[in-house]
Amino acid sequence: MESTWEENISLNSFQITAQLFRAKLKMLLAGRGTGKSFINGAEIDENVRVMPRGITTVTQFTLGQALTKTLPSSFK
């Protein structure tokens, strides 16, 4: 029996708009607490599901910022 992880999530209007906007390149300009890391995580998840052997990158100013702020929220 395969175990699956299910969780109910609720999106704010900014996140809904970003998820519905289907473009090759997305640039989001938003303030603190708008859910940008969730959008990054959703994009990474979609890329892994659609192209399992593909390459995805996350660009940050510093490695510390990626490890402490962006990646934990994206993987959640």
PDB file of N, CA and C in Angstrom:
ATOM      1  N   MET A   1       0.839  -1.178   0.000  1.00  0.00           N
ATOM      2  CA  MET A   1       0.000   0.000   0.000  1.00  0.00           C
ATOM      3  C   MET A   1       0.884   1.240   0.000  1.00  0.00           C
ATOM      4  N   GLU A   2       0.635   2.107  -0.933  1.00  0.00           N
ATOM      5  CA  GLU A   2       1.435   3.331  -1.057  1.00  0.00           C
ATOM      6  C   GLU A   2       0.831   4.424  -0.185  1.00  0.00           C
ATOM      7  N   SER A   3       1.666   5.082   0.578  1.00  0.00           N
ATOM      8  CA  SER A   3       1.166   6.162   1.420  1.00  0.00           C
ATOM      9  C   SER A   3       1.259   7.480   0.656  1.00  0.00           C
ATOM     10  N   THR A   4       0.259   8.301   0.811  1.00  0.00           N
ATOM     11  CA  THR A   4       0.252   9.618   0.178  1.00  0.00           C
ATOM     12  C   THR A   4       0.061  10.673   1.248  1.00  0.00           C
ATOM     13  N   TRP A   5       0.575  11.849   0.953  1.00  0.00           N
ATOM     14  CA  TRP A   5       0.461  12.958   1.880  1.00  0.00           C
ATOM     15  C   TRP A   5      -0.597  13.906   1.334  1.00  0.00           C
ATOM     16  N   GLU A   6      -1.634  14.116   2.103  1.00  0.00           N
ATOM     17  CA  GLU A   6      -2.707  15.014   1.705  1.00  0.00           C
ATOM     18  C   GLU A   6      -2.837  16.109   2.740  1.00  0.00           C
ATOM     19  N   GLU A   7      -2.990  17.333   2.254  1.00  0.00           N
ATOM     20  CA  GLU A   7      -3.134  18.473   3.150  1.00  0.00           C
ATOM     21  C   GLU A   7      -4.008  19.507   2.457  1.00  0.00           C
ATOM     22  N   ASN A   8      -4.964  20.046   3.166  1.00  0.00           N
ATOM     23  CA  ASN A   8      -5.798  21.112   2.623  1.00  0.00           C
ATOM     24  C   ASN A   8      -5.044  22.425   2.732  1.00  0.00           C
ATOM     25  N   ILE A   9      -5.005  23.156   1.638  1.00  0.00           N
ATOM     26  CA  ILE A   9      -4.339  24.449   1.645  1.00  0.00           C
ATOM     27  C   ILE A   9      -5.316  25.509   1.169  1.00  0.00           C
ATOM     28  N   SER A  10      -5.082  26.724   1.591  1.00  0.00           N
ATOM     29  CA  SER A  10      -5.895  27.840   1.107  1.00  0.00           C
ATOM     30  C   SER A  10      -4.949  28.892   0.544  1.00  0.00           C
ATOM     31  N   LEU A  11      -5.297  29.403  -0.610  1.00  0.00           N
ATOM     32  CA  LEU A  11      -4.456  30.375  -1.299  1.00  0.00           C
ATOM     33  C   LEU A  11      -5.063  31.762  -1.182  1.00  0.00           C
ATOM     34  N   ASN A  12      -4.194  32.771  -1.106  1.00  0.00           N
ATOM     35  CA  ASN A  12      -4.683  34.141  -1.142  1.00  0.00           C
ATOM     36  C   ASN A  12      -4.853  34.569  -2.602  1.00  0.00           C
ATOM     37  N   SER A  13      -5.382  35.742  -2.838  1.00  0.00           N
ATOM     38  CA  SER A  13      -5.689  36.170  -4.214  1.00  0.00           C
ATOM     39  C   SER A  13      -4.430  36.297  -5.065  1.00  0.00           C
ATOM     40  N   PHE A  14      -3.318  36.727  -4.471  1.00  0.00           N
ATOM     41  CA  PHE A  14      -2.061  36.842  -5.210  1.00  0.00           C
ATOM     42  C   PHE A  14      -1.583  35.465  -5.683  1.00  0.00           C
ATOM     43  N   GLN A  15      -1.655  34.472  -4.802  1.00  0.00           N
ATOM     44  CA  GLN A  15      -1.218  33.123  -5.140  1.00  0.00           C
ATOM     45  C   GLN A  15      -2.118  32.498  -6.207  1.00  0.00           C
ATOM     46  N   ILE A  16      -3.416  32.726  -6.112  1.00  0.00           N
ATOM     47  CA  ILE A  16      -4.341  32.202  -7.110  1.00  0.00           C
ATOM     48  C   ILE A  16      -4.033  32.787  -8.482  1.00  0.00           C
ATOM     49  N   THR A  17      -3.818  34.097  -8.528  1.00  0.00           N
ATOM     50  CA  THR A  17      -3.499  34.762  -9.791  1.00  0.00           C
ATOM     51  C   THR A  17      -2.211  34.210 -10.378  1.00  0.00           C
ATOM     52  N   ALA A  18      -1.188  34.033  -9.547  1.00  0.00           N
ATOM     53  CA  ALA A  18       0.092  33.512 -10.028  1.00  0.00           C
ATOM     54  C   ALA A  18      -0.038  32.080 -10.524  1.00  0.00           C
ATOM     55  N   GLN A  19      -0.855  31.271  -9.864  1.00  0.00           N
ATOM     56  CA  GLN A  19      -1.040  29.881 -10.275  1.00  0.00           C
ATOM     57  C   GLN A  19      -1.821  29.783 -11.585  1.00  0.00           C
ATOM     58  N   LEU A  20      -2.777  30.666 -11.810  1.00  0.00           N
ATOM     59  CA  LEU A  20      -3.587  30.615 -13.021  1.00  0.00           C
ATOM     60  C   LEU A  20      -2.872  31.201 -14.234  1.00  0.00           C
ATOM     61  N   PHE A  21      -1.873  32.031 -13.995  1.00  0.00           N
ATOM     62  CA  PHE A  21      -1.130  32.694 -15.069  1.00  0.00           C
ATOM     63  C   PHE A  21      -0.124  31.709 -15.652  1.00  0.00           C
ATOM     64  N   ARG A  22      -0.396  31.208 -16.851  1.00  0.00           N
ATOM     65  CA  ARG A  22       0.458  30.210 -17.492  1.00  0.00           C
ATOM     66  C   ARG A  22       1.402  30.905 -18.470  1.00  0.00           C
ATOM     67  N   ALA A  23       2.615  31.134 -18.031  1.00  0.00           N
ATOM     68  CA  ALA A  23       3.624  31.762 -18.878  1.00  0.00           C
ATOM     69  C   ALA A  23       4.928  31.014 -18.716  1.00  0.00           C
ATOM     70  N   LYS A  24       5.792  31.079 -19.726  1.00  0.00           N
ATOM     71  CA  LYS A  24       7.098  30.434 -19.622  1.00  0.00           C
ATOM     72  C   LYS A  24       7.948  31.117 -18.572  1.00  0.00           C
ATOM     73  N   LEU A  25       7.885  32.416 -18.519  1.00  0.00           N
ATOM     74  CA  LEU A  25       8.695  33.195 -17.596  1.00  0.00           C
ATOM     75  C   LEU A  25       7.768  34.039 -16.725  1.00  0.00           C
ATOM     76  N   LYS A  26       7.871  33.863 -15.422  1.00  0.00           N
ATOM     77  CA  LYS A  26       7.064  34.644 -14.487  1.00  0.00           C
ATOM     78  C   LYS A  26       7.990  35.496 -13.639  1.00  0.00           C
ATOM     79  N   MET A  27       7.661  36.755 -13.500  1.00  0.00           N
ATOM     80  CA  MET A  27       8.386  37.648 -12.609  1.00  0.00           C
ATOM     81  C   MET A  27       7.359  38.258 -11.671  1.00  0.00           C
ATOM     82  N   LEU A  28       7.475  37.953 -10.395  1.00  0.00           N
ATOM     83  CA  LEU A  28       6.502  38.398  -9.415  1.00  0.00           C
ATOM     84  C   LEU A  28       7.127  39.444  -8.510  1.00  0.00           C
ATOM     85  N   LEU A  29       6.518  40.587  -8.424  1.00  0.00           N
ATOM     86  CA  LEU A  29       6.971  41.659  -7.550  1.00  0.00           C
ATOM     87  C   LEU A  29       5.920  41.808  -6.464  1.00  0.00           C
ATOM     88  N   ALA A  30       6.273  41.403  -5.253  1.00  0.00           N
ATOM     89  CA  ALA A  30       5.304  41.413  -4.160  1.00  0.00           C
ATOM     90  C   ALA A  30       6.029  41.655  -2.846  1.00  0.00           C
ATOM     91  N   GLY A  31       5.297  42.132  -1.881  1.00  0.00           N
ATOM     92  CA  GLY A  31       5.861  42.438  -0.578  1.00  0.00           C
ATOM     93  C   GLY A  31       5.990  41.217   0.309  1.00  0.00           C
ATOM     94  N   ARG A  32       6.405  41.467   1.543  1.00  0.00           N
ATOM     95  CA  ARG A  32       6.590  40.390   2.513  1.00  0.00           C
ATOM     96  C   ARG A  32       5.243  39.755   2.859  1.00  0.00           C
ATOM     97  N   GLY A  33       5.256  38.443   3.041  1.00  0.00           N
ATOM     98  CA  GLY A  33       4.063  37.753   3.498  1.00  0.00           C
ATOM     99  C   GLY A  33       2.996  37.512   2.452  1.00  0.00           C
ATOM    100  N   THR A  34       3.342  37.652   1.174  1.00  0.00           N
ATOM    101  CA  THR A  34       2.337  37.429   0.131  1.00  0.00           C
ATOM    102  C   THR A  34       2.320  35.996  -0.370  1.00  0.00           C
ATOM    103  N   GLY A  35       3.286  35.183   0.034  1.00  0.00           N
ATOM    104  CA  GLY A  35       3.291  33.777  -0.358  1.00  0.00           C
ATOM    105  C   GLY A  35       4.138  33.475  -1.572  1.00  0.00           C
ATOM    106  N   LYS A  36       5.203  34.243  -1.771  1.00  0.00           N
ATOM    107  CA  LYS A  36       6.067  34.008  -2.925  1.00  0.00           C
ATOM    108  C   LYS A  36       6.771  32.655  -2.850  1.00  0.00           C
ATOM    109  N   SER A  37       7.176  32.239  -1.668  1.00  0.00           N
ATOM    110  CA  SER A  37       7.860  30.949  -1.526  1.00  0.00           C
ATOM    111  C   SER A  37       6.922  29.795  -1.851  1.00  0.00           C
ATOM    112  N   PHE A  38       5.657  29.927  -1.510  1.00  0.00           N
ATOM    113  CA  PHE A  38       4.680  28.898  -1.881  1.00  0.00           C
ATOM    114  C   PHE A  38       4.595  28.777  -3.398  1.00  0.00           C
ATOM    115  N   ILE A  39       4.584  29.902  -4.088  1.00  0.00           N
ATOM    116  CA  ILE A  39       4.512  29.897  -5.550  1.00  0.00           C
ATOM    117  C   ILE A  39       5.759  29.230  -6.121  1.00  0.00           C
ATOM    118  N   ASN A  40       6.937  29.533  -5.554  1.00  0.00           N
ATOM    119  CA  ASN A  40       8.166  28.865  -5.991  1.00  0.00           C
ATOM    120  C   ASN A  40       8.055  27.359  -5.793  1.00  0.00           C
ATOM    121  N   GLY A  41       7.575  26.944  -4.642  1.00  0.00           N
ATOM    122  CA  GLY A  41       7.425  25.520  -4.352  1.00  0.00           C
ATOM    123  C   GLY A  41       6.450  24.845  -5.294  1.00  0.00           C
ATOM    124  N   ALA A  42       5.356  25.523  -5.603  1.00  0.00           N
ATOM    125  CA  ALA A  42       4.364  24.959  -6.528  1.00  0.00           C
ATOM    126  C   ALA A  42       4.949  24.807  -7.929  1.00  0.00           C
ATOM    127  N   GLU A  43       5.754  25.772  -8.352  1.00  0.00           N
ATOM    128  CA  GLU A  43       6.396  25.691  -9.667  1.00  0.00           C
ATOM    129  C   GLU A  43       7.407  24.545  -9.703  1.00  0.00           C
ATOM    130  N   ILE A  44       8.193  24.396  -8.640  1.00  0.00           N
ATOM    131  CA  ILE A  44       9.160  23.302  -8.564  1.00  0.00           C
ATOM    132  C   ILE A  44       8.432  21.961  -8.600  1.00  0.00           C
ATOM    133  N   ASP A  45       7.348  21.850  -7.833  1.00  0.00           N
ATOM    134  CA  ASP A  45       6.561  20.615  -7.800  1.00  0.00           C
ATOM    135  C   ASP A  45       6.007  20.284  -9.185  1.00  0.00           C
ATOM    136  N   GLU A  46       5.471  21.280  -9.872  1.00  0.00           N
ATOM    137  CA  GLU A  46       4.926  21.047 -11.210  1.00  0.00           C
ATOM    138  C   GLU A  46       6.026  20.626 -12.180  1.00  0.00           C
ATOM    139  N   ASN A  47       7.182  21.278 -12.101  1.00  0.00           N
ATOM    140  CA  ASN A  47       8.290  20.914 -12.990  1.00  0.00           C
ATOM    141  C   ASN A  47       8.744  19.479 -12.760  1.00  0.00           C
ATOM    142  N   VAL A  48       8.810  19.056 -11.503  1.00  0.00           N
ATOM    143  CA  VAL A  48       9.238  17.694 -11.193  1.00  0.00           C
ATOM    144  C   VAL A  48       8.211  16.682 -11.693  1.00  0.00           C
ATOM    145  N   ARG A  49       6.937  16.998 -11.571  1.00  0.00           N
ATOM    146  CA  ARG A  49       5.905  16.065 -12.018  1.00  0.00           C
ATOM    147  C   ARG A  49       5.823  15.982 -13.547  1.00  0.00           C
ATOM    148  N   VAL A  50       5.967  17.118 -14.225  1.00  0.00           N
ATOM    149  CA  VAL A  50       5.852  17.136 -15.687  1.00  0.00           C
ATOM    150  C   VAL A  50       7.132  16.627 -16.341  1.00  0.00           C
ATOM    151  N   MET A  51       8.282  17.032 -15.797  1.00  0.00           N
ATOM    152  CA  MET A  51       9.571  16.634 -16.374  1.00  0.00           C
ATOM    153  C   MET A  51      10.440  16.028 -15.266  1.00  0.00           C
ATOM    154  N   PRO A  52      10.244  14.751 -14.935  1.00  0.00           N
ATOM    155  CA  PRO A  52      10.938  14.152 -13.792  1.00  0.00           C
ATOM    156  C   PRO A  52      12.461  14.210 -13.861  1.00  0.00           C
ATOM    157  N   ARG A  53      13.035  14.196 -15.051  1.00  0.00           N
ATOM    158  CA  ARG A  53      14.494  14.243 -15.165  1.00  0.00           C
ATOM    159  C   ARG A  53      14.983  15.636 -15.564  1.00  0.00           C
ATOM    160  N   GLY A  54      14.116  16.620 -15.491  1.00  0.00           N
ATOM    161  CA  GLY A  54      14.479  17.978 -15.857  1.00  0.00           C
ATOM    162  C   GLY A  54      15.301  18.658 -14.772  1.00  0.00           C
ATOM    163  N   ILE A  55      15.785  19.843 -15.072  1.00  0.00           N
ATOM    164  CA  ILE A  55      16.602  20.618 -14.142  1.00  0.00           C
ATOM    165  C   ILE A  55      15.851  21.887 -13.775  1.00  0.00           C
ATOM    166  N   THR A  56      15.755  22.156 -12.491  1.00  0.00           N
ATOM    167  CA  THR A  56      15.114  23.368 -11.995  1.00  0.00           C
ATOM    168  C   THR A  56      16.111  24.124 -11.135  1.00  0.00           C
ATOM    169  N   THR A  57      16.163  25.419 -11.276  1.00  0.00           N
ATOM    170  CA  THR A  57      17.081  26.219 -10.468  1.00  0.00           C
ATOM    171  C   THR A  57      16.311  27.231  -9.642  1.00  0.00           C
ATOM    172  N   VAL A  58      16.862  27.568  -8.487  1.00  0.00           N
ATOM    173  CA  VAL A  58      16.333  28.625  -7.633  1.00  0.00           C
ATOM    174  C   VAL A  58      17.488  29.582  -7.398  1.00  0.00           C
ATOM    175  N   THR A  59      17.327  30.822  -7.791  1.00  0.00           N
ATOM    176  CA  THR A  59      18.396  31.807  -7.687  1.00  0.00           C
ATOM    177  C   THR A  59      18.150  32.726  -6.500  1.00  0.00           C
ATOM    178  N   GLN A  60      19.166  32.908  -5.675  1.00  0.00           N
ATOM    179  CA  GLN A  60      19.104  33.774  -4.505  1.00  0.00           C
ATOM    180  C   GLN A  60      20.346  34.649  -4.462  1.00  0.00           C
ATOM    181  N   PHE A  61      20.311  35.710  -3.665  1.00  0.00           N
ATOM    182  CA  PHE A  61      21.479  36.563  -3.507  1.00  0.00           C
ATOM    183  C   PHE A  61      22.598  35.824  -2.783  1.00  0.00           C
ATOM    184  N   THR A  62      22.256  35.064  -1.752  1.00  0.00           N
ATOM    185  CA  THR A  62      23.261  34.321  -0.994  1.00  0.00           C
ATOM    186  C   THR A  62      22.773  32.895  -0.756  1.00  0.00           C
ATOM    187  N   LEU A  63      23.718  31.989  -0.519  1.00  0.00           N
ATOM    188  CA  LEU A  63      23.371  30.611  -0.205  1.00  0.00           C
ATOM    189  C   LEU A  63      22.631  30.539   1.130  1.00  0.00           C
ATOM    190  N   GLY A  64      23.053  31.359   2.090  1.00  0.00           N
ATOM    191  CA  GLY A  64      22.392  31.385   3.391  1.00  0.00           C
ATOM    192  C   GLY A  64      20.931  31.768   3.286  1.00  0.00           C
ATOM    193  N   GLN A  65      20.623  32.735   2.425  1.00  0.00           N
ATOM    194  CA  GLN A  65      19.233  33.149   2.221  1.00  0.00           C
ATOM    195  C   GLN A  65      18.419  32.004   1.633  1.00  0.00           C
ATOM    196  N   ALA A  66      18.995  31.277   0.704  1.00  0.00           N
ATOM    197  CA  ALA A  66      18.285  30.145   0.101  1.00  0.00           C
ATOM    198  C   ALA A  66      18.035  29.049   1.131  1.00  0.00           C
ATOM    199  N   LEU A  67      19.052  28.742   1.948  1.00  0.00           N
ATOM    200  CA  LEU A  67      18.926  27.652   2.915  1.00  0.00           C
ATOM    201  C   LEU A  67      18.009  27.982   4.091  1.00  0.00           C
ATOM    202  N   THR A  68      17.942  29.246   4.484  1.00  0.00           N
ATOM    203  CA  THR A  68      17.168  29.597   5.681  1.00  0.00           C
ATOM    204  C   THR A  68      15.788  30.153   5.379  1.00  0.00           C
ATOM    205  N   LYS A  69      15.606  30.790   4.235  1.00  0.00           N
ATOM    206  CA  LYS A  69      14.323  31.457   3.955  1.00  0.00           C
ATOM    207  C   LYS A  69      13.527  30.797   2.848  1.00  0.00           C
ATOM    208  N   THR A  70      14.104  30.674   1.675  1.00  0.00           N
ATOM    209  CA  THR A  70      13.323  30.273   0.520  1.00  0.00           C
ATOM    210  C   THR A  70      13.066  28.774   0.442  1.00  0.00           C
ATOM    211  N   LEU A  71      14.111  27.960   0.528  1.00  0.00           N
ATOM    212  CA  LEU A  71      13.934  26.515   0.339  1.00  0.00           C
ATOM    213  C   LEU A  71      13.048  25.849   1.374  1.00  0.00           C
ATOM    214  N   PRO A  72      13.190  26.153   2.676  1.00  0.00           N
ATOM    215  CA  PRO A  72      12.263  25.507   3.619  1.00  0.00           C
ATOM    216  C   PRO A  72      10.797  25.802   3.334  1.00  0.00           C
ATOM    217  N   SER A  73      10.481  27.045   3.001  1.00  0.00           N
ATOM    218  CA  SER A  73       9.098  27.403   2.667  1.00  0.00           C
ATOM    219  C   SER A  73       8.658  26.774   1.359  1.00  0.00           C
ATOM    220  N   SER A  74       9.563  26.685   0.410  1.00  0.00           N
ATOM    221  CA  SER A  74       9.213  26.087  -0.886  1.00  0.00           C
ATOM    222  C   SER A  74       8.947  24.600  -0.746  1.00  0.00           C
ATOM    223  N   PHE A  75       9.749  23.892   0.036  1.00  0.00           N
ATOM    224  CA  PHE A  75       9.575  22.459   0.199  1.00  0.00           C
ATOM    225  C   PHE A  75       8.378  22.123   1.062  1.00  0.00           C
ATOM    226  N   LYS A  76       7.968  23.040   1.925  1.00  0.00           N
ATOM    227  CA  LYS A  76       6.812  22.798   2.786  1.00  0.00           C
ATOM    228  C   LYS A  76       5.570  22.664   1.936  1.00  0.00           C
TER     229      LYS A  76
END
